[in-house]
C-alpha atoms as a PDB file:
ATOM      1  CA  MET A   1      55.306-129.494  70.067  1.00  0.00           C
ATOM      2  CA  ILE A   2      53.169-128.113  67.276  1.00  0.00           C
ATOM      3  CA  PRO A   3      50.061-129.833  65.867  1.00  0.00           C
ATOM      4  CA  LYS A   4      50.524-132.206  62.932  1.00  0.00           C
ATOM      5  CA  PHE A   5      50.099-130.873  59.417  1.00  0.00           C
ATOM      6  CA  ASP A   6      50.723-131.823  55.804  1.00  0.00           C
ATOM      7  CA  TYR A   7      53.666-130.031  54.198  1.00  0.00           C
ATOM      8  CA  HIS A   8      53.741-128.722  50.623  1.00  0.00           C
ATOM      9  CA  ALA A   9      56.651-127.045  48.806  1.00  0.00           C
ATOM     10  CA  PRO A  10      55.561-125.542  45.485  1.00  0.00           C
ATOM     11  CA  THR A  11      58.218-124.185  43.133  1.00  0.00           C
ATOM     12  CA  THR A  12      56.064-121.701  41.193  1.00  0.00           C
ATOM     13  CA  ILE A  13      53.563-118.970  42.034  1.00  0.00           C
ATOM     14  CA  ASP A  14      50.835-120.713  40.054  1.00  0.00           C
ATOM     15  CA  GLU A  15      51.371-123.972  41.939  1.00  0.00           C
ATOM     16  CA  ALA A  16      51.211-122.179  45.290  1.00  0.00           C
ATOM     17  CA  VAL A  17      47.998-120.379  44.319  1.00  0.00           C
ATOM     18  CA  GLU A  18      46.401-123.647  43.242  1.00  0.00           C
ATOM     19  CA  LEU A  19      47.372-125.398  46.481  1.00  0.00           C
ATOM     20  CA  LEU A  20      46.087-122.533  48.611  1.00  0.00           C
ATOM     21  CA  ASN A  21      42.759-122.533  46.799  1.00  0.00           C
ATOM     22  CA  THR A  22      42.201-126.308  46.733  1.00  0.00           C
ATOM     23  CA  LEU A  23      43.658-127.690  49.974  1.00  0.00           C
ATOM     24  CA  GLU A  24      41.514-127.773  53.091  1.00  0.00           C
ATOM     25  CA  ASP A  25      42.477-125.307  55.843  1.00  0.00           C
ATOM     26  CA  ALA A  26      45.762-124.257  54.219  1.00  0.00           C
ATOM     27  CA  ARG A  27      48.201-121.512  55.251  1.00  0.00           C
ATOM     28  CA  VAL A  28      51.251-120.206  53.406  1.00  0.00           C
ATOM     29  CA  PHE A  29      54.510-119.372  55.149  1.00  0.00           C
ATOM     30  CA  ALA A  30      58.046-118.327  54.291  1.00  0.00           C
ATOM     31  CA  GLY A  31      60.003-117.692  57.494  1.00  0.00           C
ATOM     32  CA  GLY A  32      57.288-119.028  59.769  1.00  0.00           C
ATOM     33  CA  THR A  33      58.501-116.983  62.742  1.00  0.00           C
ATOM     34  CA  ASP A  34      54.976-115.838  63.589  1.00  0.00           C
ATOM     35  CA  LEU A  35      52.960-118.798  62.328  1.00  0.00           C
ATOM     36  CA  PHE A  36      54.831-121.504  64.213  1.00  0.00           C
ATOM     37  CA  VAL A  37      54.503-119.600  67.486  1.00  0.00           C
ATOM     38  CA  LEU A  38      50.744-119.450  66.954  1.00  0.00           C
ATOM     39  CA  MET A  39      50.701-123.166  66.187  1.00  0.00           C
ATOM     40  CA  ARG A  40      52.803-123.983  69.222  1.00  0.00           C
ATOM     41  CA  ASP A  41      50.353-122.093  71.406  1.00  0.00           C
ATOM     42  CA  ARG A  42      47.410-123.851  69.702  1.00  0.00           C
ATOM     43  CA  LEU A  43      45.972-120.520  68.524  1.00  0.00           C
ATOM     44  CA  VAL A  44      45.837-121.820  64.959  1.00  0.00           C
ATOM     45  CA  ARG A  45      45.870-125.433  63.736  1.00  0.00           C
ATOM     46  CA  PRO A  46      46.054-125.512  59.937  1.00  0.00           C
ATOM     47  CA  LYS A  47      45.852-128.916  58.268  1.00  0.00           C
ATOM     48  CA  ASN A  48      48.118-127.907  55.389  1.00  0.00           C
ATOM     49  CA  LEU A  49      51.190-125.665  55.295  1.00  0.00           C
ATOM     50  CA  ILE A  50      52.504-124.298  51.997  1.00  0.00           C
ATOM     51  CA  ASP A  51      56.182-123.349  52.109  1.00  0.00           C
ATOM     52  CA  LEU A  52      56.941-120.454  49.733  1.00  0.00           C
ATOM     53  CA  LYS A  53      60.713-120.655  50.183  1.00  0.00           C
ATOM     54  CA  GLN A  54      61.173-122.908  47.159  1.00  0.00           C
ATOM     55  CA  ILE A  55      59.819-120.252  44.775  1.00  0.00           C
ATOM     56  CA  SER A  56      62.905-118.440  43.493  1.00  0.00           C
ATOM     57  CA  GLU A  57      61.024-115.299  42.403  1.00  0.00           C
ATOM     58  CA  LEU A  58      59.954-114.641  45.987  1.00  0.00           C
ATOM     59  CA  GLN A  59      63.563-114.580  47.199  1.00  0.00           C
ATOM     60  CA  GLN A  60      64.876-111.851  44.912  1.00  0.00           C
ATOM     61  CA  ILE A  61      65.671-108.163  45.376  1.00  0.00           C
ATOM     62  CA  SER A  62      65.844-106.087  42.206  1.00  0.00           C
ATOM     63  CA  PHE A  63      66.255-102.380  41.484  1.00  0.00           C
ATOM     64  CA  ASP A  64      66.406 -99.959  38.604  1.00  0.00           C
ATOM     65  CA  GLU A  65      65.896 -96.199  38.565  1.00  0.00           C
ATOM     66  CA  ARG A  66      62.705 -96.301  36.505  1.00  0.00           C
ATOM     67  CA  ASN A  67      60.859 -99.142  38.252  1.00  0.00           C
ATOM     68  CA  GLY A  68      62.294 -98.740  41.722  1.00  0.00           C
ATOM     69  CA  LEU A  69      62.941-101.445  44.305  1.00  0.00           C
ATOM     70  CA  ARG A  70      61.163-104.800  44.289  1.00  0.00           C
ATOM     71  CA  ILE A  71      61.546-107.177  47.240  1.00  0.00           C
ATOM     72  CA  GLY A  72      60.154-110.673  47.017  1.00  0.00           C
ATOM     73  CA  ALA A  73      57.891-111.717  49.870  1.00  0.00           C
ATOM     74  CA  ALA A  74      60.297-114.454  51.028  1.00  0.00           C
ATOM     75  CA  VAL A  75      63.329-112.161  51.261  1.00  0.00           C
ATOM     76  CA  THR A  76      64.641-112.155  54.814  1.00  0.00           C
ATOM     77  CA  PHE A  77      65.557-109.062  56.785  1.00  0.00           C
ATOM     78  CA  ALA A  78      69.150-110.285  56.917  1.00  0.00           C
ATOM     79  CA  GLU A  79      69.171-110.214  53.105  1.00  0.00           C
ATOM     80  CA  ILE A  80      67.690-106.718  53.109  1.00  0.00           C
ATOM     81  CA  LEU A  81      70.493-105.584  55.405  1.00  0.00           C
ATOM     82  CA  ARG A  82      73.088-106.999  52.994  1.00  0.00           C
ATOM     83  CA  SER A  83      71.636-104.975  50.108  1.00  0.00           C
ATOM     84  CA  GLU A  84      73.736-101.898  49.368  1.00  0.00           C
ATOM     85  CA  VAL A  85      70.964-100.337  47.289  1.00  0.00           C
ATOM     86  CA  VAL A  86      68.518-100.558  50.202  1.00  0.00           C
ATOM     87  CA  LYS A  87      71.089 -99.028  52.547  1.00  0.00           C
ATOM     88  CA  ASP A  88      72.023 -96.230  50.141  1.00  0.00           C
ATOM     89  CA  ARG A  89      68.683 -95.378  48.510  1.00  0.00           C
ATOM     90  CA  PHE A  90      65.995 -96.637  50.905  1.00  0.00           C
ATOM     91  CA  ARG A  91      67.685 -96.002  54.222  1.00  0.00           C
ATOM     92  CA  VAL A  92      64.496 -95.793  56.295  1.00  0.00           C
ATOM     93  CA  LEU A  93      63.723 -99.411  55.403  1.00  0.00           C
ATOM     94  CA  TRP A  94      67.312-100.501  56.060  1.00  0.00           C
ATOM     95  CA  ASP A  95      67.129 -98.838  59.487  1.00  0.00           C
ATOM     96  CA  ALA A  96      63.884-100.666  60.290  1.00  0.00           C
ATOM     97  CA  ALA A  97      65.363-104.011  59.253  1.00  0.00           C
ATOM     98  CA  SER A  98      68.432-103.414  61.422  1.00  0.00           C
ATOM     99  CA  VAL A  99      66.399-103.127  64.626  1.00  0.00           C
ATOM    100  CA  LEU A 100      63.807-105.813  63.934  1.00  0.00           C
ATOM    101  CA  ALA A 101      64.114-108.548  66.576  1.00  0.00           C
ATOM    102  CA  ASP A 102      67.632-110.051  66.749  1.00  0.00           C
ATOM    103  CA  PRO A 103      70.184-111.367  64.214  1.00  0.00           C
ATOM    104  CA  VAL A 104      68.978-114.957  64.570  1.00  0.00           C
ATOM    105  CA  LEU A 105      65.370-114.034  63.820  1.00  0.00           C
ATOM    106  CA  ARG A 106      66.376-111.684  60.992  1.00  0.00           C
ATOM    107  CA  ASN A 107      67.973-114.665  59.245  1.00  0.00           C
ATOM    108  CA  ARG A 108      64.542-116.297  59.062  1.00  0.00           C
ATOM    109  CA  ALA A 109      61.901-113.554  59.230  1.00  0.00           C
ATOM    110  CA  THR A 110      60.692-112.220  55.877  1.00  0.00           C
ATOM    111  CA  ILE A 111      59.287-108.915  54.743  1.00  0.00           C
ATOM    112  CA  GLY A 112      56.141-110.623  53.472  1.00  0.00           C
ATOM    113  CA  GLY A 113      55.536-112.315  56.788  1.00  0.00           C
ATOM    114  CA  ASN A 114      56.174-109.125  58.737  1.00  0.00           C
ATOM    115  CA  ILE A 115      53.498-107.152  56.935  1.00  0.00           C
ATOM    116  CA  CYS A 116      51.044-110.076  56.757  1.00  0.00           C
ATOM    117  CA  ASN A 117      51.278-110.534  60.517  1.00  0.00           C
ATOM    118  CA  ALA A 118      49.860-106.991  60.613  1.00  0.00           C
ATOM    119  CA  SER A 119      51.090-106.172  64.085  1.00  0.00           C
ATOM    120  CA  PRO A 120      50.615-102.520  65.046  1.00  0.00           C
ATOM    121  CA  ALA A 121      54.240-102.734  66.257  1.00  0.00           C
ATOM    122  CA  ALA A 122      55.707-104.054  62.972  1.00  0.00           C
ATOM    123  CA  ASP A 123      59.004-102.280  62.320  1.00  0.00           C
ATOM    124  CA  SER A 124      58.966-102.530  58.530  1.00  0.00           C
ATOM    125  CA  ALA A 125      55.461-101.095  58.133  1.00  0.00           C
ATOM    126  CA  PRO A 126      56.106 -97.396  58.947  1.00  0.00           C
ATOM    127  CA  ALA A 127      59.112 -97.403  56.615  1.00  0.00           C
ATOM    128  CA  LEU A 128      57.021 -98.872  53.799  1.00  0.00           C
ATOM    129  CA  LEU A 129      54.279 -96.324  54.475  1.00  0.00           C
ATOM    130  CA  VAL A 130      56.557 -93.298  54.073  1.00  0.00           C
ATOM    131  CA  LEU A 131      58.114 -94.861  50.964  1.00  0.00           C
ATOM    132  CA  ASP A 132      54.714 -95.259  49.232  1.00  0.00           C
ATOM    133  CA  ALA A 133      55.179 -99.006  48.822  1.00  0.00           C
ATOM    134  CA  VAL A 134      52.775-101.163  46.839  1.00  0.00           C
ATOM    135  CA  VAL A 135      52.011-104.770  47.761  1.00  0.00           C
ATOM    136  CA  GLU A 136      51.864-107.218  44.856  1.00  0.00           C
ATOM    137  CA  VAL A 137      49.300-109.919  45.620  1.00  0.00           C
ATOM    138  CA  ALA A 138      49.211-113.414  44.117  1.00  0.00           C
ATOM    139  CA  GLY A 139      45.892-115.204  43.732  1.00  0.00           C
ATOM    140  CA  GLU A 140      43.492-116.419  41.118  1.00  0.00           C
ATOM    141  CA  ARG A 141      43.218-112.744  40.135  1.00  0.00           C
ATOM    142  CA  PRO A 142      46.577-111.029  40.827  1.00  0.00           C
ATOM    143  CA  ARG A 143      46.279-107.445  42.045  1.00  0.00           C
ATOM    144  CA  GLU A 144      48.145-104.645  43.779  1.00  0.00           C
ATOM    145  CA  ILE A 145      47.349-102.926  47.071  1.00  0.00           C
ATOM    146  CA  PRO A 146      48.888 -99.592  48.154  1.00  0.00           C
ATOM    147  CA  ILE A 147      50.528-100.156  51.515  1.00  0.00           C
ATOM    148  CA  GLY A 148      48.300 -97.484  53.044  1.00  0.00           C
ATOM    149  CA  GLU A 149      45.287 -99.700  52.313  1.00  0.00           C
ATOM    150  CA  PHE A 150      46.914-103.001  53.230  1.00  0.00           C
ATOM    151  CA  PHE A 151      46.526-102.873  57.029  1.00  0.00           C
ATOM    152  CA  THR A 152      42.872-102.956  58.068  1.00  0.00           C
ATOM    153  CA  GLY A 153      43.096-103.643  61.818  1.00  0.00           C
ATOM    154  CA  VAL A 154      45.046-105.453  64.508  1.00  0.00           C
ATOM    155  CA  LYS A 155      46.383-108.619  62.827  1.00  0.00           C
ATOM    156  CA  ARG A 156      44.138-107.929  59.823  1.00  0.00           C
ATOM    157  CA  THR A 157      45.011-107.122  56.211  1.00  0.00           C
ATOM    158  CA  ALA A 158      43.216-106.505  52.929  1.00  0.00           C
ATOM    159  CA  LEU A 159      44.215-109.953  51.639  1.00  0.00           C
ATOM    160  CA  LYS A 160      41.288-112.137  50.587  1.00  0.00           C
ATOM    161  CA  PRO A 161      41.037-115.919  51.080  1.00  0.00           C
ATOM    162  CA  GLY A 162      43.238-117.674  48.550  1.00  0.00           C
ATOM    163  CA  GLU A 163      45.682-114.747  48.251  1.00  0.00           C
ATOM    164  CA  PHE A 164      49.225-114.196  49.491  1.00  0.00           C
ATOM    165  CA  VAL A 165      51.873-111.486  49.138  1.00  0.00           C
ATOM    166  CA  ARG A 166      54.133-111.901  46.136  1.00  0.00           C
ATOM    167  CA  ALA A 167      56.389-108.864  46.533  1.00  0.00           C
ATOM    168  CA  VAL A 168      56.691-105.343  47.873  1.00  0.00           C
ATOM    169  CA  ARG A 169      57.488-102.654  45.300  1.00  0.00           C
ATOM    170  CA  ILE A 170      58.834 -99.215  46.217  1.00  0.00           C
ATOM    171  CA  PRO A 171      59.257 -96.261  43.827  1.00  0.00           C
ATOM    172  CA  THR A 172      62.690 -94.663  43.608  1.00  0.00           C
ATOM    173  CA  PRO A 173      62.905 -91.621  45.909  1.00  0.00           C
ATOM    174  CA  PRO A 174      64.020 -88.383  44.253  1.00  0.00           C
ATOM    175  CA  PRO A 175      67.719 -87.383  44.376  1.00  0.00           C
ATOM    176  CA  GLY A 176      68.814 -86.003  47.721  1.00  0.00           C
ATOM    177  CA  SER A 177      66.118 -87.807  49.693  1.00  0.00           C
ATOM    178  CA  LYS A 178      66.840 -88.900  53.244  1.00  0.00           C
ATOM    179  CA  GLY A 179      65.065 -91.281  55.587  1.00  0.00           C
ATOM    180  CA  ARG A 180      65.517 -92.824  59.009  1.00  0.00           C
ATOM    181  CA  TYR A 181      63.633 -95.097  61.405  1.00  0.00           C
ATOM    182  CA  TYR A 182      63.706 -94.327  65.129  1.00  0.00           C
ATOM    183  CA  LYS A 183      62.719 -97.124  67.492  1.00  0.00           C
ATOM    184  CA  TRP A 184      62.099 -96.767  71.208  1.00  0.00           C
ATOM    185  CA  GLY A 185      61.931-100.004  73.180  1.00  0.00           C
ATOM    186  CA  ARG A 186      62.785-101.524  76.515  1.00  0.00           C
ATOM    187  CA  THR A 187      65.904-103.090  75.001  1.00  0.00           C
ATOM    188  CA  ARG A 188      67.947-102.133  71.966  1.00  0.00           C
ATOM    189  CA  GLY A 189      66.288-103.501  68.850  1.00  0.00           C
ATOM    190  CA  GLU A 190      65.265-106.914  70.121  1.00  0.00           C
ATOM    191  CA  ASP A 191      62.025-105.964  71.891  1.00  0.00           C
ATOM    192  CA  LEU A 192      58.822-104.859  70.206  1.00  0.00           C
ATOM    193  CA  ALA A 193      58.709-101.120  69.737  1.00  0.00           C
ATOM    194  CA  ILE A 194      57.128 -99.017  72.444  1.00  0.00           C
ATOM    195  CA  VAL A 195      57.067 -96.416  69.677  1.00  0.00           C
ATOM    196  CA  GLY A 196      58.564 -96.533  66.185  1.00  0.00           C
ATOM    197  CA  VAL A 197      58.834 -93.471  63.949  1.00  0.00           C
ATOM    198  CA  ALA A 198      59.755 -93.558  60.256  1.00  0.00           C
ATOM    199  CA  ILE A 199      60.599 -90.269  58.546  1.00  0.00           C
ATOM    200  CA  GLN A 200      61.237 -89.713  54.855  1.00  0.00           C
ATOM    201  CA  VAL A 201      62.337 -86.304  53.601  1.00  0.00           C
ATOM    202  CA  ASN A 202      62.192 -85.798  49.835  1.00  0.00           C
ATOM    203  CA  GLY A 203      62.750 -82.058  50.123  1.00  0.00           C
ATOM    204  CA  GLU A 204      61.567 -79.333  52.486  1.00  0.00           C
ATOM    205  CA  LYS A 205      58.005 -79.528  51.126  1.00  0.00           C
ATOM    206  CA  ASP A 206      57.756 -83.336  51.019  1.00  0.00           C
ATOM    207  CA  VAL A 207      58.162 -84.643  54.551  1.00  0.00           C
ATOM    208  CA  ARG A 208      56.458 -87.861  55.631  1.00  0.00           C
ATOM    209  CA  VAL A 209      56.041 -89.413  59.069  1.00  0.00           C
ATOM    210  CA  ALA A 210      54.595 -92.824  59.963  1.00  0.00           C
ATOM    211  CA  LEU A 211      54.531 -94.651  63.288  1.00  0.00           C
ATOM    212  CA  SER A 212      54.153 -98.071  64.859  1.00  0.00           C
ATOM    213  CA  SER A 213      52.732 -99.063  68.253  1.00  0.00           C
ATOM    214  CA  VAL A 214      50.510 -95.994  68.542  1.00  0.00           C
ATOM    215  CA  TYR A 215      47.319 -97.022  66.741  1.00  0.00           C
ATOM    216  CA  LYS A 216      45.374-100.133  65.752  1.00  0.00           C
ATOM    217  CA  THR A 217      47.492-100.269  62.591  1.00  0.00           C
ATOM    218  CA  PRO A 218      50.794 -98.708  61.563  1.00  0.00           C
ATOM    219  CA  ILE A 219      49.808 -95.151  60.676  1.00  0.00           C
ATOM    220  CA  ARG A 220      51.047 -92.395  58.373  1.00  0.00           C
ATOM    221  CA  ILE A 221      50.290 -88.878  59.600  1.00  0.00           C
ATOM    222  CA  GLY A 222      48.923 -86.939  56.636  1.00  0.00           C
ATOM    223  CA  ALA A 223      48.645 -83.750  58.697  1.00  0.00           C
ATOM    224  CA  VAL A 224      52.443 -83.556  58.879  1.00  0.00           C
ATOM    225  CA  GLU A 225      52.708 -83.533  55.095  1.00  0.00           C
ATOM    226  CA  LYS A 226      50.221 -80.687  54.835  1.00  0.00           C
ATOM    227  CA  ILE A 227      52.220 -78.657  57.342  1.00  0.00           C
ATOM    228  CA  PHE A 228      55.449 -78.943  55.365  1.00  0.00           C
ATOM    229  CA  LYS A 229      53.754 -78.047  52.087  1.00  0.00           C
ATOM    230  CA  GLU A 230      52.850 -74.678  53.592  1.00  0.00           C
ATOM    231  CA  GLY A 231      55.108 -71.675  53.973  1.00  0.00           C
ATOM    232  CA  GLY A 232      56.791 -70.528  57.157  1.00  0.00           C
ATOM    233  CA  PRO A 233      59.943 -71.133  59.215  1.00  0.00           C
ATOM    234  CA  VAL A 234      61.148 -74.740  59.495  1.00  0.00           C
ATOM    235  CA  GLU A 235      61.331 -74.476  63.301  1.00  0.00           C
ATOM    236  CA  GLU A 236      57.640 -73.621  63.445  1.00  0.00           C
ATOM    237  CA  LYS A 237      56.780 -76.468  61.071  1.00  0.00           C
ATOM    238  CA  ILE A 238      58.620 -78.962  63.256  1.00  0.00           C
ATOM    239  CA  LYS A 239      56.712 -77.822  66.339  1.00  0.00           C
ATOM    240  CA  ARG A 240      53.391 -78.097  64.516  1.00  0.00           C
ATOM    241  CA  ALA A 241      54.355 -81.507  63.131  1.00  0.00           C
ATOM    242  CA  VAL A 242      55.078 -82.835  66.621  1.00  0.00           C
ATOM    243  CA  GLU A 243      51.672 -81.673  67.818  1.00  0.00           C
ATOM    244  CA  ALA A 244      50.035 -83.179  64.740  1.00  0.00           C
ATOM    245  CA  VAL A 245      51.607 -86.540  65.497  1.00  0.00           C
ATOM    246  CA  ARG A 246      50.516 -86.467  69.128  1.00  0.00           C
ATOM    247  CA  SER A 247      46.948 -85.470  68.261  1.00  0.00           C
ATOM    248  CA  ASN A 248      46.508 -88.075  65.502  1.00  0.00           C
ATOM    249  CA  ILE A 249      47.568 -91.193  67.378  1.00  0.00           C
ATOM    250  CA  SER A 250      45.659 -93.346  69.843  1.00  0.00           C
ATOM    251  CA  PRO A 251      48.005 -95.778  71.590  1.00  0.00           C
ATOM    252  CA  ILE A 252      47.086 -98.303  74.256  1.00  0.00           C
ATOM    253  CA  THR A 253      48.553 -98.973  77.666  1.00  0.00           C
ATOM    254  CA  ASP A 254      50.220-102.373  78.000  1.00  0.00           C
ATOM    255  CA  VAL A 255      53.136-104.040  79.777  1.00  0.00           C
ATOM    256  CA  ARG A 256      55.643-102.152  77.621  1.00  0.00           C
ATOM    257  CA  GLY A 257      54.359 -98.649  78.243  1.00  0.00           C
ATOM    258  CA  SER A 258      51.443 -96.433  79.096  1.00  0.00           C
ATOM    259  CA  LYS A 259      49.356 -94.523  76.581  1.00  0.00           C
ATOM    260  CA  GLU A 260      50.693 -91.227  77.921  1.00  0.00           C
ATOM    261  CA  TYR A 261      54.304 -92.391  77.650  1.00  0.00           C
ATOM    262  CA  ARG A 262      53.800 -93.496  74.061  1.00  0.00           C
ATOM    263  CA  VAL A 263      52.239 -90.165  73.100  1.00  0.00           C
ATOM    264  CA  HIS A 264      55.150 -88.332  74.717  1.00  0.00           C
ATOM    265  CA  MET A 265      57.829 -90.481  73.051  1.00  0.00           C
ATOM    266  CA  ALA A 266      56.119 -90.271  69.658  1.00  0.00           C
ATOM    267  CA  GLY A 267      56.602 -86.513  69.847  1.00  0.00           C
ATOM    268  CA  VAL A 268      60.170 -86.786  71.102  1.00  0.00           C
ATOM    269  CA  LEU A 269      61.239 -89.158  68.319  1.00  0.00           C
ATOM    270  CA  THR A 270      59.423 -87.156  65.659  1.00  0.00           C
ATOM    271  CA  GLU A 271      61.141 -83.930  66.695  1.00  0.00           C
ATOM    272  CA  ARG A 272      64.511 -85.650  66.975  1.00  0.00           C
ATOM    273  CA  GLY A 273      64.186 -87.172  63.524  1.00  0.00           C
ATOM    274  CA  LEU A 274      62.903 -84.062  61.793  1.00  0.00           C
ATOM    275  CA  ARG A 275      65.697 -81.965  63.237  1.00  0.00           C
ATOM    276  CA  GLU A 276      68.297 -84.479  62.130  1.00  0.00           C
ATOM    277  CA  LEU A 277      67.005 -84.972  58.595  1.00  0.00           C
ATOM    278  CA  LEU A 278      66.194 -81.288  58.011  1.00  0.00           C
ATOM    279  CA  GLU A 279      69.531 -80.312  59.605  1.00  0.00           C
ATOM    280  CA  VAL A 280      67.961 -78.018  62.178  1.00  0.00           C
ATOM    281  CA  LYS A 281      69.876 -77.792  65.441  1.00  0.00           C
END
């Protein structure tokens, strides 16, 4: 059983913002897959819950070449997987959605909730990092936060009291771009990642790598991008990129894997992905 609470179902952004800023001890939710577990375990006991699922804007996916992809905060991962434009043009995010938890959870879990939970192991976060996503924030003063500034620590984000995520916006990758997400876990997809590696290749000189489960936040490795902007053989760049990944992460040891194992697998997955996307055997 979860603690008692008062339930609110606004139908507009403005109504939700007002409720969040006037109700005592209020929390917003969309899928609730993280929040209700915390409530069940008595780790949080909000007096008021604000359900964002009734706000139609938050449940929409839209795309055009000029403005890119926009995913409402209440869009589920199952809906992301049904989007042909995500699969065809933003494949790294589609990959991440396909291995997040299980099909039952993907029908409920939302992209807004996944990033707001701010788990270092979040599958969507590395994909959003390499895609240069921007988080649209609703509040009394709406604003935008680059995804690289959104995660501030374990279970911590740059959101201020009275704010919630409205949407995630992603610029259109250039023609010929390729991306993939590589997840290593104890079981296929359903477990939290021991290591997750997102790679986006927008050309031989624009190669991006971000990881989950290897730092206090999901992390994008800027050193890799510098390596690929330089001259030299691709084979040598891949080797240097693997070492850059291993030297720029700081994983922990837990029940799913040791620090040393995570460092090793981060390198393995990075090399595997770079070779595949750069077509180097």
